[in-house]
Every structure is written in structure tokens, then in C-alpha cells.
């Protein structure tokens, strides 16, 4: 192989790939922190023979594996199901519908309305 050409090897053996995959499993890291961790790990593993560079045009924050967003979606899900349930019964004339609502959502947003329908 000519000395001016880089030796090629499968990408799965590249230290950068392993470091990146590890960093991406950590929740809530901003993109800059991911790059710093990858760079630090690659330098360590390769004994300073390889240093990962980066170039960015980002103008705002970006977070990998953001847990707050997922937590908020999960927190909103019960309210969403409550709203769907209420919408399906709010014009009902059957007391059993409102009893069922109160059974599932005793402290729900519409509990006082449901009680007034009984």
C-alpha cells in the first residue's frame, strides 16, 4: 500500500464509532457534549494517535436522547385519555357513563361536571 494512503479497515472497528454509540446512550447530552466525550474517548483509546475533529453550523441547542420530552408526553397521556373519554360521554343522558368516568378519573378535570350529571 502506498504510504500516502490511509489504511482502510471496517468502520465497526473504529474507536470513534464505539465512543459515539456509548455517548448516544446517555440521556440529555447536548450535541457539543457528545462530541467532547467522543473525542476524549478516542484520544484515550488510541493513545493520542487519533483526535476526532468536528465542524458545526448549529445555531441553537440540540439534545440527544432527551428524557424531558418523553416524560412530558407520558405525563400528558392520561389527560389526553381523560379528554377523549369525557368528549365521548359529555352529551350522554345515561348516568352509567358519568359513573364510569368518575370511577376512572375520580379527581379528573371534569369530575364536578360528571357529578352534576348524576
PDB file of N, CA and C in Angstrom:
ATOM      1  N   UNK A   1       0.853  -1.170   0.000  1.00  0.00           N
ATOM      2  CA  UNK A   1       0.000   0.000   0.000  1.00  0.00           C
ATOM      3  C   UNK A   1       0.903   1.239   0.000  1.00  0.00           C
ATOM      4  N   UNK A   2       0.616   2.194  -0.876  1.00  0.00           N
ATOM      5  CA  UNK A   2       1.419   3.417  -0.888  1.00  0.00           C
ATOM      6  C   UNK A   2       1.343   4.136   0.456  1.00  0.00           C
ATOM      7  N   UNK A   3       2.445   4.732   0.919  1.00  0.00           N
ATOM      8  CA  UNK A   3       2.486   5.341   2.242  1.00  0.00           C
ATOM      9  C   UNK A   3       1.568   6.544   2.404  1.00  0.00           C
ATOM     10  N   UNK A   4       1.153   7.198   1.333  1.00  0.00           N
ATOM     11  CA  UNK A   4       0.317   8.382   1.470  1.00  0.00           C
ATOM     12  C   UNK A   4      -1.168   8.057   1.597  1.00  0.00           C
ATOM     13  N   UNK A   5      -1.542   6.796   1.408  1.00  0.00           N
ATOM     14  CA  UNK A   5      -2.942   6.406   1.528  1.00  0.00           C
ATOM     15  C   UNK A   5      -3.226   5.859   2.924  1.00  0.00           C
ATOM     16  N   UNK A   6      -4.358   6.226   3.428  1.00  0.00           N
ATOM     17  CA  UNK A   6      -4.755   5.713   4.749  1.00  0.00           C
ATOM     18  C   UNK A   6      -5.100   4.242   4.634  1.00  0.00           C
ATOM     19  N   UNK A   7      -4.744   3.510   5.649  1.00  0.00           N
ATOM     20  CA  UNK A   7      -5.124   2.100   5.678  1.00  0.00           C
ATOM     21  C   UNK A   7      -6.625   2.030   5.954  1.00  0.00           C
ATOM     22  N   UNK A   8      -7.303   1.265   5.144  1.00  0.00           N
ATOM     23  CA  UNK A   8      -8.737   1.158   5.382  1.00  0.00           C
ATOM     24  C   UNK A   8      -9.001  -0.054   6.265  1.00  0.00           C
ATOM     25  N   UNK A   9      -9.999   0.078   7.071  1.00  0.00           N
ATOM     26  CA  UNK A   9     -10.444  -1.026   7.920  1.00  0.00           C
ATOM     27  C   UNK A   9     -11.940  -0.890   8.087  1.00  0.00           C
ATOM     28  N   UNK A  10     -12.607  -1.944   8.424  1.00  0.00           N
ATOM     29  CA  UNK A  10     -14.054  -1.843   8.595  1.00  0.00           C
ATOM     30  C   UNK A  10     -14.398  -0.789   9.640  1.00  0.00           C
ATOM     31  N   UNK A  11     -15.427  -0.029   9.358  1.00  0.00           N
ATOM     32  CA  UNK A  11     -15.799   1.067  10.254  1.00  0.00           C
ATOM     33  C   UNK A  11     -16.205   0.573  11.638  1.00  0.00           C
ATOM     34  N   UNK A  12     -16.688  -0.649  11.744  1.00  0.00           N
ATOM     35  CA  UNK A  12     -17.106  -1.143  13.056  1.00  0.00           C
ATOM     36  C   UNK A  12     -15.947  -1.292  14.023  1.00  0.00           C
ATOM     37  N   UNK A  13     -14.720  -1.293  13.520  1.00  0.00           N
ATOM     38  CA  UNK A  13     -13.576  -1.387  14.423  1.00  0.00           C
ATOM     39  C   UNK A  13     -13.041  -0.011  14.809  1.00  0.00           C
ATOM     40  N   UNK A  14     -13.597   1.041  14.238  1.00  0.00           N
ATOM     41  CA  UNK A  14     -13.121   2.392  14.515  1.00  0.00           C
ATOM     42  C   UNK A  14     -13.492   2.804  15.929  1.00  0.00           C
ATOM     43  N   UNK A  15     -12.523   3.310  16.688  1.00  0.00           N
ATOM     44  CA  UNK A  15     -12.805   3.743  18.063  1.00  0.00           C
ATOM     45  C   UNK A  15     -13.884   4.818  18.136  1.00  0.00           C
ATOM     46  N   UNK A  16     -13.940   5.665  17.117  1.00  0.00           N
ATOM     47  CA  UNK A  16     -14.941   6.729  17.112  1.00  0.00           C
ATOM     48  C   UNK A  16     -16.359   6.177  17.118  1.00  0.00           C
ATOM     49  N   UNK A  17     -16.591   5.109  16.383  1.00  0.00           N
ATOM     50  CA  UNK A  17     -17.936   4.530  16.314  1.00  0.00           C
ATOM     51  C   UNK A  17     -18.368   4.020  17.684  1.00  0.00           C
ATOM     52  N   UNK A  18     -17.488   3.287  18.341  1.00  0.00           N
ATOM     53  CA  UNK A  18     -17.824   2.766  19.667  1.00  0.00           C
ATOM     54  C   UNK A  18     -18.036   3.892  20.669  1.00  0.00           C
ATOM     55  N   UNK A  19     -17.195   4.915  20.614  1.00  0.00           N
ATOM     56  CA  UNK A  19     -17.331   6.044  21.531  1.00  0.00           C
ATOM     57  C   UNK A  19     -18.634   6.805  21.268  1.00  0.00           C
ATOM     58  N   UNK A  20     -18.978   6.975  20.007  1.00  0.00           N
ATOM     59  CA  UNK A  20     -20.215   7.672  19.662  1.00  0.00           C
ATOM     60  C   UNK A  20     -21.436   6.889  20.120  1.00  0.00           C
ATOM     61  N   UNK A  21     -21.433   5.591  19.875  1.00  0.00           N
ATOM     62  CA  UNK A  21     -22.569   4.774  20.309  1.00  0.00           C
ATOM     63  C   UNK A  21     -22.740   4.815  21.826  1.00  0.00           C
ATOM     64  N   UNK A  22     -21.641   4.803  22.547  1.00  0.00           N
ATOM     65  CA  UNK A  22     -21.702   4.884  24.008  1.00  0.00           C
ATOM     66  C   UNK A  22     -22.256   6.241  24.449  1.00  0.00           C
ATOM     67  N   UNK A  23     -21.779   7.307  23.856  1.00  0.00           N
ATOM     68  CA  UNK A  23     -22.235   8.648  24.236  1.00  0.00           C
ATOM     69  C   UNK A  23     -23.720   8.834  23.935  1.00  0.00           C
ATOM     70  N   UNK A  24     -24.190   8.261  22.848  1.00  0.00           N
ATOM     71  CA  UNK A  24     -25.602   8.423  22.478  1.00  0.00           C
ATOM     72  C   UNK A  24     -26.553   7.695  23.419  1.00  0.00           C
ATOM     73  N   UNK A  25     -26.048   6.766  24.212  1.00  0.00           N
ATOM     74  CA  UNK A  25     -26.917   6.080  25.173  1.00  0.00           C
ATOM     75  C   UNK A  25     -27.157   6.911  26.428  1.00  0.00           C
ATOM     76  N   UNK A  26     -26.369   7.966  26.614  1.00  0.00           N
ATOM     77  CA  UNK A  26     -26.502   8.807  27.799  1.00  0.00           C
ATOM     78  C   UNK A  26     -27.622   9.822  27.570  1.00  0.00           C
ATOM     79  N   UNK A  27     -28.619   9.859  28.435  1.00  0.00           N
ATOM     80  CA  UNK A  27     -29.740  10.778  28.219  1.00  0.00           C
ATOM     81  C   UNK A  27     -29.369  12.238  28.468  1.00  0.00           C
ATOM     82  N   UNK A  28     -29.951  13.106  27.660  1.00  0.00           N
ATOM     83  CA  UNK A  28     -29.886  14.530  27.894  1.00  0.00           C
ATOM     84  C   UNK A  28     -28.602  15.243  27.530  1.00  0.00           C
ATOM     85  N   UNK A  29     -27.722  14.633  26.752  1.00  0.00           N
ATOM     86  CA  UNK A  29     -26.469  15.304  26.407  1.00  0.00           C
ATOM     87  C   UNK A  29     -26.675  16.230  25.210  1.00  0.00           C
ATOM     88  N   UNK A  30     -26.169  17.455  25.337  1.00  0.00           N
ATOM     89  CA  UNK A  30     -26.177  18.346  24.191  1.00  0.00           C
ATOM     90  C   UNK A  30     -25.160  17.848  23.179  1.00  0.00           C
ATOM     91  N   UNK A  31     -25.372  18.223  21.927  1.00  0.00           N
ATOM     92  CA  UNK A  31     -24.531  17.723  20.851  1.00  0.00           C
ATOM     93  C   UNK A  31     -23.048  18.028  21.107  1.00  0.00           C
ATOM     94  N   UNK A  32     -22.748  19.194  21.637  1.00  0.00           N
ATOM     95  CA  UNK A  32     -21.353  19.548  21.908  1.00  0.00           C
ATOM     96  C   UNK A  32     -20.736  18.607  22.941  1.00  0.00           C
ATOM     97  N   UNK A  33     -21.506  18.240  23.954  1.00  0.00           N
ATOM     98  CA  UNK A  33     -21.013  17.320  24.983  1.00  0.00           C
ATOM     99  C   UNK A  33     -20.773  15.929  24.398  1.00  0.00           C
ATOM    100  N   UNK A  34     -21.636  15.500  23.494  1.00  0.00           N
ATOM    101  CA  UNK A  34     -21.432  14.211  22.830  1.00  0.00           C
ATOM    102  C   UNK A  34     -20.096  14.228  22.086  1.00  0.00           C
ATOM    103  N   UNK A  35     -19.840  15.279  21.330  1.00  0.00           N
ATOM    104  CA  UNK A  35     -18.580  15.367  20.576  1.00  0.00           C
ATOM    105  C   UNK A  35     -17.369  15.397  21.501  1.00  0.00           C
ATOM    106  N   UNK A  36     -17.468  16.112  22.602  1.00  0.00           N
ATOM    107  CA  UNK A  36     -16.348  16.170  23.554  1.00  0.00           C
ATOM    108  C   UNK A  36     -16.059  14.800  24.151  1.00  0.00           C
ATOM    109  N   UNK A  37     -17.115  14.081  24.524  1.00  0.00           N
ATOM    110  CA  UNK A  37     -16.920  12.746  25.100  1.00  0.00           C
ATOM    111  C   UNK A  37     -16.310  11.789  24.083  1.00  0.00           C
ATOM    112  N   UNK A  38     -16.801  11.867  22.858  1.00  0.00           N
ATOM    113  CA  UNK A  38     -16.257  11.006  21.805  1.00  0.00           C
ATOM    114  C   UNK A  38     -14.780  11.323  21.590  1.00  0.00           C
ATOM    115  N   UNK A  39     -14.462  12.596  21.473  1.00  0.00           N
ATOM    116  CA  UNK A  39     -13.066  12.991  21.255  1.00  0.00           C
ATOM    117  C   UNK A  39     -12.180  12.499  22.384  1.00  0.00           C
ATOM    118  N   UNK A  40     -12.602  12.697  23.614  1.00  0.00           N
ATOM    119  CA  UNK A  40     -11.813  12.281  24.781  1.00  0.00           C
ATOM    120  C   UNK A  40     -11.580  10.767  24.780  1.00  0.00           C
ATOM    121  N   UNK A  41     -12.636   9.996  24.484  1.00  0.00           N
ATOM    122  CA  UNK A  41     -12.517   8.541  24.467  1.00  0.00           C
ATOM    123  C   UNK A  41     -11.594   8.069  23.348  1.00  0.00           C
ATOM    124  N   UNK A  42     -11.725   8.656  22.173  1.00  0.00           N
ATOM    125  CA  UNK A  42     -10.888   8.256  21.039  1.00  0.00           C
ATOM    126  C   UNK A  42      -9.424   8.566  21.328  1.00  0.00           C
ATOM    127  N   UNK A  43      -9.141   9.732  21.880  1.00  0.00           N
ATOM    128  CA  UNK A  43      -7.763  10.086  22.244  1.00  0.00           C
ATOM    129  C   UNK A  43      -7.210   9.078  23.242  1.00  0.00           C
ATOM    130  N   UNK A  44      -8.023   8.715  24.220  1.00  0.00           N
ATOM    131  CA  UNK A  44      -7.591   7.767  25.246  1.00  0.00           C
ATOM    132  C   UNK A  44      -7.329   6.380  24.659  1.00  0.00           C
ATOM    133  N   UNK A  45      -8.271   5.887  23.880  1.00  0.00           N
ATOM    134  CA  UNK A  45      -8.164   4.530  23.328  1.00  0.00           C
ATOM    135  C   UNK A  45      -7.020   4.408  22.332  1.00  0.00           C
ATOM    136  N   UNK A  46      -6.774   5.455  21.571  1.00  0.00           N
ATOM    137  CA  UNK A  46      -5.726   5.385  20.534  1.00  0.00           C
ATOM    138  C   UNK A  46      -4.386   5.912  21.021  1.00  0.00           C
ATOM    139  N   UNK A  47      -4.278   6.268  22.288  1.00  0.00           N
ATOM    140  CA  UNK A  47      -3.013   6.775  22.810  1.00  0.00           C
ATOM    141  C   UNK A  47      -2.571   8.049  22.116  1.00  0.00           C
ATOM    142  N   UNK A  48      -3.492   8.955  21.906  1.00  0.00           N
ATOM    143  CA  UNK A  48      -3.239  10.247  21.249  1.00  0.00           C
ATOM    144  C   UNK A  48      -2.874  10.131  19.766  1.00  0.00           C
ATOM    145  N   UNK A  49      -3.070   8.974  19.166  1.00  0.00           N
ATOM    146  CA  UNK A  49      -2.745   8.811  17.747  1.00  0.00           C
ATOM    147  C   UNK A  49      -3.891   9.292  16.857  1.00  0.00           C
ATOM    148  N   UNK A  50      -5.086   9.420  17.443  1.00  0.00           N
ATOM    149  CA  UNK A  50      -6.234   9.843  16.653  1.00  0.00           C
ATOM    150  C   UNK A  50      -7.024  10.855  17.464  1.00  0.00           C
ATOM    151  N   UNK A  51      -7.353  11.970  16.859  1.00  0.00           N
ATOM    152  CA  UNK A  51      -8.161  13.002  17.508  1.00  0.00           C
ATOM    153  C   UNK A  51      -9.298  13.343  16.561  1.00  0.00           C
ATOM    154  N   UNK A  52     -10.509  13.169  17.042  1.00  0.00           N
ATOM    155  CA  UNK A  52     -11.692  13.452  16.231  1.00  0.00           C
ATOM    156  C   UNK A  52     -11.927  14.956  16.194  1.00  0.00           C
ATOM    157  N   UNK A  53     -12.140  15.473  15.009  1.00  0.00           N
ATOM    158  CA  UNK A  53     -12.489  16.872  14.840  1.00  0.00           C
ATOM    159  C   UNK A  53     -13.987  17.001  14.649  1.00  0.00           C
ATOM    160  N   UNK A  54     -14.444  18.231  14.651  1.00  0.00           N
ATOM    161  CA  UNK A  54     -15.858  18.474  14.396  1.00  0.00           C
ATOM    162  C   UNK A  54     -16.013  19.829  13.737  1.00  0.00           C
ATOM    163  N   UNK A  55     -17.067  19.979  13.027  1.00  0.00           N
ATOM    164  CA  UNK A  55     -17.428  21.245  12.418  1.00  0.00           C
ATOM    165  C   UNK A  55     -18.938  21.361  12.550  1.00  0.00           C
ATOM    166  N   UNK A  56     -19.400  22.509  12.968  1.00  0.00           N
ATOM    167  CA  UNK A  56     -20.828  22.653  13.216  1.00  0.00           C
ATOM    168  C   UNK A  56     -21.345  23.985  12.705  1.00  0.00           C
ATOM    169  N   UNK A  57     -22.538  23.964  12.204  1.00  0.00           N
ATOM    170  CA  UNK A  57     -23.241  25.179  11.806  1.00  0.00           C
ATOM    171  C   UNK A  57     -24.499  25.364  12.642  1.00  0.00           C
ATOM    172  N   UNK A  58     -24.604  24.609  13.723  1.00  0.00           N
ATOM    173  CA  UNK A  58     -25.789  24.714  14.572  1.00  0.00           C
ATOM    174  C   UNK A  58     -25.889  26.123  15.140  1.00  0.00           C
ATOM    175  N   UNK A  59     -27.100  26.623  15.215  1.00  0.00           N
ATOM    176  CA  UNK A  59     -27.321  27.942  15.794  1.00  0.00           C
ATOM    177  C   UNK A  59     -28.158  27.876  17.064  1.00  0.00           C
ATOM    178  N   UNK A  60     -28.618  26.686  17.385  1.00  0.00           N
ATOM    179  CA  UNK A  60     -29.414  26.505  18.591  1.00  0.00           C
ATOM    180  C   UNK A  60     -28.994  25.251  19.324  1.00  0.00           C
ATOM    181  N   UNK A  61     -29.652  25.000  20.430  1.00  0.00           N
ATOM    182  CA  UNK A  61     -29.352  23.820  21.225  1.00  0.00           C
ATOM    183  C   UNK A  61     -29.954  22.577  20.584  1.00  0.00           C
ATOM    184  N   UNK A  62     -29.239  21.477  20.708  1.00  0.00           N
ATOM    185  CA  UNK A  62     -29.739  20.182  20.267  1.00  0.00           C
ATOM    186  C   UNK A  62     -29.333  19.157  21.302  1.00  0.00           C
ATOM    187  N   UNK A  63     -30.296  18.379  21.761  1.00  0.00           N
ATOM    188  CA  UNK A  63     -30.038  17.379  22.794  1.00  0.00           C
ATOM    189  C   UNK A  63     -30.400  16.006  22.250  1.00  0.00           C
ATOM    190  N   UNK A  64     -29.460  15.074  22.390  1.00  0.00           N
ATOM    191  CA  UNK A  64     -29.727  13.687  22.027  1.00  0.00           C
ATOM    192  C   UNK A  64     -30.448  13.005  23.172  1.00  0.00           C
ATOM    193  N   UNK A  65     -31.339  12.067  22.846  1.00  0.00           N
ATOM    194  CA  UNK A  65     -31.928  11.198  23.862  1.00  0.00           C
ATOM    195  C   UNK A  65     -32.541  12.024  24.991  1.00  0.00           C
ATOM    196  N   UNK A  66     -33.323  13.042  24.601  1.00  0.00           N
ATOM    197  CA  UNK A  66     -33.895  13.963  25.582  1.00  0.00           C
ATOM    198  C   UNK A  66     -34.992  13.264  26.383  1.00  0.00           C
ATOM    199  N   UNK A  67     -34.815  13.201  27.692  1.00  0.00           N
ATOM    200  CA  UNK A  67     -35.764  12.492  28.539  1.00  0.00           C
ATOM    201  C   UNK A  67     -36.935  13.360  28.956  1.00  0.00           C
ATOM    202  N   UNK A  68     -36.752  14.674  29.046  1.00  0.00           N
ATOM    203  CA  UNK A  68     -37.850  15.547  29.468  1.00  0.00           C
ATOM    204  C   UNK A  68     -39.010  15.493  28.489  1.00  0.00           C
ATOM    205  N   UNK A  69     -38.705  15.452  27.207  1.00  0.00           N
ATOM    206  CA  UNK A  69     -39.757  15.402  26.200  1.00  0.00           C
ATOM    207  C   UNK A  69     -40.568  14.127  26.342  1.00  0.00           C
ATOM    208  N   UNK A  70     -39.889  13.002  26.481  1.00  0.00           N
ATOM    209  CA  UNK A  70     -40.576  11.736  26.657  1.00  0.00           C
ATOM    210  C   UNK A  70     -41.385  11.726  27.945  1.00  0.00           C
ATOM    211  N   UNK A  71     -40.820  12.250  29.013  1.00  0.00           N
ATOM    212  CA  UNK A  71     -41.534  12.308  30.284  1.00  0.00           C
ATOM    213  C   UNK A  71     -42.787  13.156  30.157  1.00  0.00           C
ATOM    214  N   UNK A  72     -42.701  14.266  29.445  1.00  0.00           N
ATOM    215  CA  UNK A  72     -43.867  15.135  29.272  1.00  0.00           C
ATOM    216  C   UNK A  72     -44.946  14.448  28.454  1.00  0.00           C
ATOM    217  N   UNK A  73     -44.538  13.752  27.395  1.00  0.00           N
ATOM    218  CA  UNK A  73     -45.510  13.018  26.581  1.00  0.00           C
ATOM    219  C   UNK A  73     -46.228  11.985  27.432  1.00  0.00           C
ATOM    220  N   UNK A  74     -45.479  11.263  28.252  1.00  0.00           N
ATOM    221  CA  UNK A  74     -46.077  10.249  29.116  1.00  0.00           C
ATOM    222  C   UNK A  74     -46.984  10.889  30.166  1.00  0.00           C
ATOM    223  N   UNK A  75     -46.577  12.033  30.687  1.00  0.00           N
ATOM    224  CA  UNK A  75     -47.392  12.715  31.697  1.00  0.00           C
ATOM    225  C   UNK A  75     -48.690  13.227  31.092  1.00  0.00           C
ATOM    226  N   UNK A  76     -48.649  13.637  29.830  1.00  0.00           N
ATOM    227  CA  UNK A  76     -49.842  14.164  29.176  1.00  0.00           C
ATOM    228  C   UNK A  76     -50.801  13.075  28.729  1.00  0.00           C
ATOM    229  N   UNK A  77     -50.332  11.863  28.578  1.00  0.00           N
ATOM    230  CA  UNK A  77     -51.169  10.781  28.065  1.00  0.00           C
ATOM    231  C   UNK A  77     -52.419  10.542  28.897  1.00  0.00           C
ATOM    232  N   UNK A  78     -52.326  10.491  30.235  1.00  0.00           N
ATOM    233  CA  UNK A  78     -53.558  10.289  30.999  1.00  0.00           C
ATOM    234  C   UNK A  78     -54.560  11.424  30.796  1.00  0.00           C
ATOM    235  N   UNK A  79     -54.100  12.656  30.717  1.00  0.00           N
ATOM    236  CA  UNK A  79     -55.003  13.785  30.471  1.00  0.00           C
ATOM    237  C   UNK A  79     -55.647  13.651  29.106  1.00  0.00           C
ATOM    238  N   UNK A  80     -54.888  13.194  28.130  1.00  0.00           N
ATOM    239  CA  UNK A  80     -55.440  13.026  26.790  1.00  0.00           C
ATOM    240  C   UNK A  80     -56.530  11.969  26.795  1.00  0.00           C
ATOM    241  N   UNK A  81     -56.273  10.849  27.469  1.00  0.00           N
ATOM    242  CA  UNK A  81     -57.290   9.797  27.510  1.00  0.00           C
ATOM    243  C   UNK A  81     -58.511  10.260  28.285  1.00  0.00           C
ATOM    244  N   UNK A  82     -58.296  11.070  29.316  1.00  0.00           N
ATOM    245  CA  UNK A  82     -59.429  11.612  30.066  1.00  0.00           C
ATOM    246  C   UNK A  82     -60.283  12.509  29.175  1.00  0.00           C
ATOM    247  N   UNK A  83     -59.622  13.357  28.396  1.00  0.00           N
ATOM    248  CA  UNK A  83     -60.356  14.250  27.496  1.00  0.00           C
ATOM    249  C   UNK A  83     -61.146  13.484  26.450  1.00  0.00           C
ATOM    250  N   UNK A  84     -60.539  12.440  25.906  1.00  0.00           N
ATOM    251  CA  UNK A  84     -61.236  11.616  24.912  1.00  0.00           C
ATOM    252  C   UNK A  84     -62.451  10.949  25.555  1.00  0.00           C
ATOM    253  N   UNK A  85     -62.263  10.422  26.773  1.00  0.00           N
ATOM    254  CA  UNK A  85     -63.372   9.777  27.482  1.00  0.00           C
ATOM    255  C   UNK A  85     -64.500  10.788  27.713  1.00  0.00           C
ATOM    256  N   UNK A  86     -64.135  11.968  28.234  1.00  0.00           N
ATOM    257  CA  UNK A  86     -65.159  12.967  28.543  1.00  0.00           C
ATOM    258  C   UNK A  86     -65.903  13.399  27.286  1.00  0.00           C
ATOM    259  N   UNK A  87     -65.182  13.633  26.208  1.00  0.00           N
ATOM    260  CA  UNK A  87     -65.808  14.051  24.956  1.00  0.00           C
ATOM    261  C   UNK A  87     -66.807  13.013  24.468  1.00  0.00           C
ATOM    262  N   UNK A  88     -66.499  11.755  24.718  1.00  0.00           N
ATOM    263  CA  UNK A  88     -67.389  10.691  24.241  1.00  0.00           C
ATOM    264  C   UNK A  88     -68.672  10.578  25.063  1.00  0.00           C
ATOM    265  N   UNK A  89     -68.692  11.117  26.294  1.00  0.00           N
ATOM    266  CA  UNK A  89     -69.885  10.963  27.139  1.00  0.00           C
ATOM    267  C   UNK A  89     -70.567  12.276  27.509  1.00  0.00           C
ATOM    268  N   UNK A  90     -69.970  13.401  27.244  1.00  0.00           N
ATOM    269  CA  UNK A  90     -70.462  14.672  27.789  1.00  0.00           C
ATOM    270  C   UNK A  90     -71.907  15.006  27.426  1.00  0.00           C
ATOM    271  N   UNK A  91     -72.391  14.515  26.319  1.00  0.00           N
ATOM    272  CA  UNK A  91     -73.779  14.783  25.922  1.00  0.00           C
ATOM    273  C   UNK A  91     -74.704  13.604  26.207  1.00  0.00           C
ATOM    274  N   UNK A  92     -74.209  12.651  26.951  1.00  0.00           N
ATOM    275  CA  UNK A  92     -74.991  11.446  27.243  1.00  0.00           C
ATOM    276  C   UNK A  92     -76.095  11.737  28.257  1.00  0.00           C
ATOM    277  N   UNK A  93     -77.157  10.950  28.177  1.00  0.00           N
ATOM    278  CA  UNK A  93     -78.246  11.016  29.160  1.00  0.00           C
ATOM    279  C   UNK A  93     -78.215   9.805  30.087  1.00  0.00           C
ATOM    280  N   UNK A  94     -77.161   9.000  29.958  1.00  0.00           N
ATOM    281  CA  UNK A  94     -77.053   7.770  30.744  1.00  0.00           C
ATOM    282  C   UNK A  94     -76.127   8.002  31.935  1.00  0.00           C
ATOM    283  N   UNK A  95     -76.671   7.908  33.151  1.00  0.00           N
ATOM    284  CA  UNK A  95     -75.900   8.137  34.371  1.00  0.00           C
ATOM    285  C   UNK A  95     -74.718   7.168  34.479  1.00  0.00           C
ATOM    286  N   UNK A  96     -74.855   5.969  33.912  1.00  0.00           N
ATOM    287  CA  UNK A  96     -73.785   4.979  33.982  1.00  0.00           C
ATOM    288  C   UNK A  96     -72.510   5.490  33.291  1.00  0.00           C
ATOM    289  N   UNK A  97     -72.657   6.297  32.261  1.00  0.00           N
ATOM    290  CA  UNK A  97     -71.486   6.864  31.579  1.00  0.00           C
ATOM    291  C   UNK A  97     -70.688   7.761  32.525  1.00  0.00           C
ATOM    292  N   UNK A  98     -71.394   8.575  33.300  1.00  0.00           N
ATOM    293  CA  UNK A  98     -70.727   9.510  34.208  1.00  0.00           C
ATOM    294  C   UNK A  98     -70.170   8.790  35.443  1.00  0.00           C
ATOM    295  N   UNK A  99     -70.852   7.730  35.851  1.00  0.00           N
ATOM    296  CA  UNK A  99     -70.313   6.899  36.936  1.00  0.00           C
ATOM    297  C   UNK A  99     -69.009   6.228  36.484  1.00  0.00           C
ATOM    298  N   UNK A 100     -68.993   5.775  35.250  1.00  0.00           N
ATOM    299  CA  UNK A 100     -67.778   5.141  34.720  1.00  0.00           C
ATOM    300  C   UNK A 100     -66.645   6.166  34.634  1.00  0.00           C
ATOM    301  N   UNK A 101     -66.981   7.376  34.210  1.00  0.00           N
ATOM    302  CA  UNK A 101     -65.957   8.431  34.159  1.00  0.00           C
ATOM    303  C   UNK A 101     -65.383   8.661  35.554  1.00  0.00           C
ATOM    304  N   UNK A 102     -66.251   8.808  36.545  1.00  0.00           N
ATOM    305  CA  UNK A 102     -65.791   9.074  37.913  1.00  0.00           C
ATOM    306  C   UNK A 102     -65.005   7.902  38.496  1.00  0.00           C
ATOM    307  N   UNK A 103     -65.330   6.705  38.067  1.00  0.00           N
ATOM    308  CA  UNK A 103     -64.577   5.530  38.522  1.00  0.00           C
ATOM    309  C   UNK A 103     -63.137   5.586  38.001  1.00  0.00           C
ATOM    310  N   UNK A 104     -62.980   5.985  36.755  1.00  0.00           N
ATOM    311  CA  UNK A 104     -61.646   6.048  36.145  1.00  0.00           C
ATOM    312  C   UNK A 104     -60.891   7.330  36.498  1.00  0.00           C
ATOM    313  N   UNK A 105     -61.627   8.431  36.681  1.00  0.00           N
ATOM    314  CA  UNK A 105     -60.996   9.735  36.927  1.00  0.00           C
ATOM    315  C   UNK A 105     -61.684  10.437  38.098  1.00  0.00           C
ATOM    316  N   UNK A 106     -61.560   9.908  39.310  1.00  0.00           N
ATOM    317  CA  UNK A 106     -62.272  10.483  40.457  1.00  0.00           C
ATOM    318  C   UNK A 106     -61.892  11.943  40.750  1.00  0.00           C
ATOM    319  N   UNK A 107     -60.683  12.328  40.427  1.00  0.00           N
ATOM    320  CA  UNK A 107     -60.243  13.713  40.635  1.00  0.00           C
ATOM    321  C   UNK A 107     -59.975  14.396  39.300  1.00  0.00           C
ATOM    322  N   UNK A 108     -60.656  13.940  38.270  1.00  0.00           N
ATOM    323  CA  UNK A 108     -60.406  14.431  36.922  1.00  0.00           C
ATOM    324  C   UNK A 108     -60.852  15.862  36.694  1.00  0.00           C
ATOM    325  N   UNK A 109     -60.466  16.378  35.563  1.00  0.00           N
ATOM    326  CA  UNK A 109     -60.814  17.749  35.189  1.00  0.00           C
ATOM    327  C   UNK A 109     -62.322  17.970  35.115  1.00  0.00           C
ATOM    328  N   UNK A 110     -63.034  16.941  34.778  1.00  0.00           N
ATOM    329  CA  UNK A 110     -64.483  17.068  34.578  1.00  0.00           C
ATOM    330  C   UNK A 110     -65.294  16.377  35.674  1.00  0.00           C
ATOM    331  N   UNK A 111     -64.648  16.066  36.792  1.00  0.00           N
ATOM    332  CA  UNK A 111     -65.345  15.302  37.835  1.00  0.00           C
ATOM    333  C   UNK A 111     -66.552  16.058  38.405  1.00  0.00           C
ATOM    334  N   UNK A 112     -66.447  17.361  38.588  1.00  0.00           N
ATOM    335  CA  UNK A 112     -67.603  18.102  39.115  1.00  0.00           C
ATOM    336  C   UNK A 112     -68.740  18.126  38.102  1.00  0.00           C
ATOM    337  N   UNK A 113     -68.426  18.221  36.829  1.00  0.00           N
ATOM    338  CA  UNK A 113     -69.464  18.163  35.800  1.00  0.00           C
ATOM    339  C   UNK A 113     -70.119  16.786  35.764  1.00  0.00           C
ATOM    340  N   UNK A 114     -69.283  15.759  35.887  1.00  0.00           N
ATOM    341  CA  UNK A 114     -69.814  14.393  35.874  1.00  0.00           C
ATOM    342  C   UNK A 114     -70.761  14.178  37.052  1.00  0.00           C
ATOM    343  N   UNK A 115     -70.377  14.688  38.226  1.00  0.00           N
ATOM    344  CA  UNK A 115     -71.231  14.543  39.409  1.00  0.00           C
ATOM    345  C   UNK A 115     -72.553  15.279  39.221  1.00  0.00           C
ATOM    346  N   UNK A 116     -72.514  16.403  38.546  1.00  0.00           N
ATOM    347  CA  UNK A 116     -73.752  17.164  38.328  1.00  0.00           C
ATOM    348  C   UNK A 116     -74.691  16.467  37.353  1.00  0.00           C
ATOM    349  N   UNK A 117     -74.169  15.570  36.538  1.00  0.00           N
ATOM    350  CA  UNK A 117     -74.991  14.835  35.574  1.00  0.00           C
ATOM    351  C   UNK A 117     -75.667  13.614  36.203  1.00  0.00           C
ATOM    352  N   UNK A 118     -75.264  13.285  37.443  1.00  0.00           N
ATOM    353  CA  UNK A 118     -75.845  12.107  38.110  1.00  0.00           C
ATOM    354  C   UNK A 118     -77.168  12.441  38.767  1.00  0.00           C
TER     355      UNK A 118
END
